[in-house]
């Protein structure tokens, strides 16, 4: 049984693509920030905290973007 909250296929597709696009932009920005950071994970408690928290958040965004792309691929057209 499929329950659709939004009737417009274009609205759902646009919202999913926008969300995935923003996730990709975040991951690209995180890559740039990691590659230019003047500290490492072993330098100080700040480095450890920074890389652990942003790393977990980046992983969360990556998994969520993959899940949303799968949902978009399975969305009824």
Protein backbone atom coordinates (compact mmCIF):
# COMPACT_ATOMS: atom_id res chain seq x y z
CA UNK A 1 0.00 0.00 0.00
CA UNK A 2 1.45 3.36 -1.00
CA UNK A 3 0.39 6.48 0.84
CA UNK A 4 1.44 9.70 -0.90
CA UNK A 5 1.41 12.94 1.05
CA UNK A 6 2.32 15.07 -1.96
CA UNK A 7 0.36 14.58 -5.15
CA UNK A 8 2.83 16.40 -7.41
CA UNK A 9 5.55 14.09 -8.69
CA UNK A 10 7.61 17.11 -9.78
CA UNK A 11 7.53 18.61 -6.27
CA UNK A 12 8.73 15.39 -4.64
CA UNK A 13 11.42 14.82 -7.27
CA UNK A 14 12.61 18.42 -6.97
CA UNK A 15 12.74 18.26 -3.18
CA UNK A 16 14.70 15.01 -3.20
CA UNK A 17 17.15 16.28 -5.82
CA UNK A 18 17.63 19.54 -3.92
CA UNK A 19 18.33 17.68 -0.68
CA UNK A 20 20.80 15.30 -2.33
CA UNK A 21 22.48 18.23 -4.10
CA UNK A 22 22.93 20.09 -0.82
CA UNK A 23 24.36 16.93 0.73
CA UNK A 24 26.89 16.63 -2.10
CA UNK A 25 27.85 20.29 -1.67
CA UNK A 26 28.36 19.73 2.05
CA UNK A 27 30.57 16.69 1.43
CA UNK A 28 32.64 18.60 -1.14
CA UNK A 29 33.09 21.46 1.32
CA UNK A 30 34.05 19.00 4.04
CA UNK A 31 36.68 17.46 1.75
CA UNK A 32 38.15 20.89 1.05
CA UNK A 33 38.16 21.75 4.74
CA UNK A 34 39.83 18.46 5.68
CA UNK A 35 42.49 18.79 3.01
CA UNK A 36 43.44 22.35 4.04
CA UNK A 37 43.16 22.06 7.83
CA UNK A 38 46.35 23.22 9.55
CA UNK A 39 45.93 20.53 12.24
CA UNK A 40 45.42 16.78 12.37
CA UNK A 41 43.32 14.46 14.48
CA UNK A 42 46.33 13.71 16.71
CA UNK A 43 47.53 17.29 17.26
CA UNK A 44 45.24 18.32 20.09
CA UNK A 45 41.86 17.70 21.69
CA UNK A 46 40.47 20.33 19.30
CA UNK A 47 41.64 18.37 16.27
CA UNK A 48 40.22 15.16 17.66
CA UNK A 49 36.88 16.77 18.46
CA UNK A 50 36.72 18.55 15.10
CA UNK A 51 37.46 15.52 12.96
CA UNK A 52 35.29 13.14 15.01
CA UNK A 53 32.18 15.35 15.07
CA UNK A 54 32.40 16.56 11.48
CA UNK A 55 33.36 13.05 10.34
CA UNK A 56 30.30 11.49 11.95
CA UNK A 57 28.11 14.22 10.50
CA UNK A 58 29.66 13.73 7.05
CA UNK A 59 29.01 10.00 7.26
CA UNK A 60 25.41 10.73 8.25
CA UNK A 61 25.00 13.04 5.23
CA UNK A 62 26.61 10.47 2.90
CA UNK A 63 24.33 7.63 4.04
CA UNK A 64 21.28 9.89 3.94
CA UNK A 65 22.09 11.07 0.41
CA UNK A 66 22.50 7.49 -0.79
CA UNK A 67 19.20 6.54 0.87
CA UNK A 68 17.41 9.50 -0.73
CA UNK A 69 18.80 8.62 -4.17
CA UNK A 70 17.47 5.08 -3.69
CA UNK A 71 14.10 6.51 -2.65
CA UNK A 72 14.12 8.75 -5.73
CA UNK A 73 14.94 5.78 -7.99
CA UNK A 74 12.01 3.82 -6.52
CA UNK A 75 9.56 6.73 -6.48
CA UNK A 76 6.52 5.94 -8.65
CA UNK A 77 6.48 7.91 -11.87
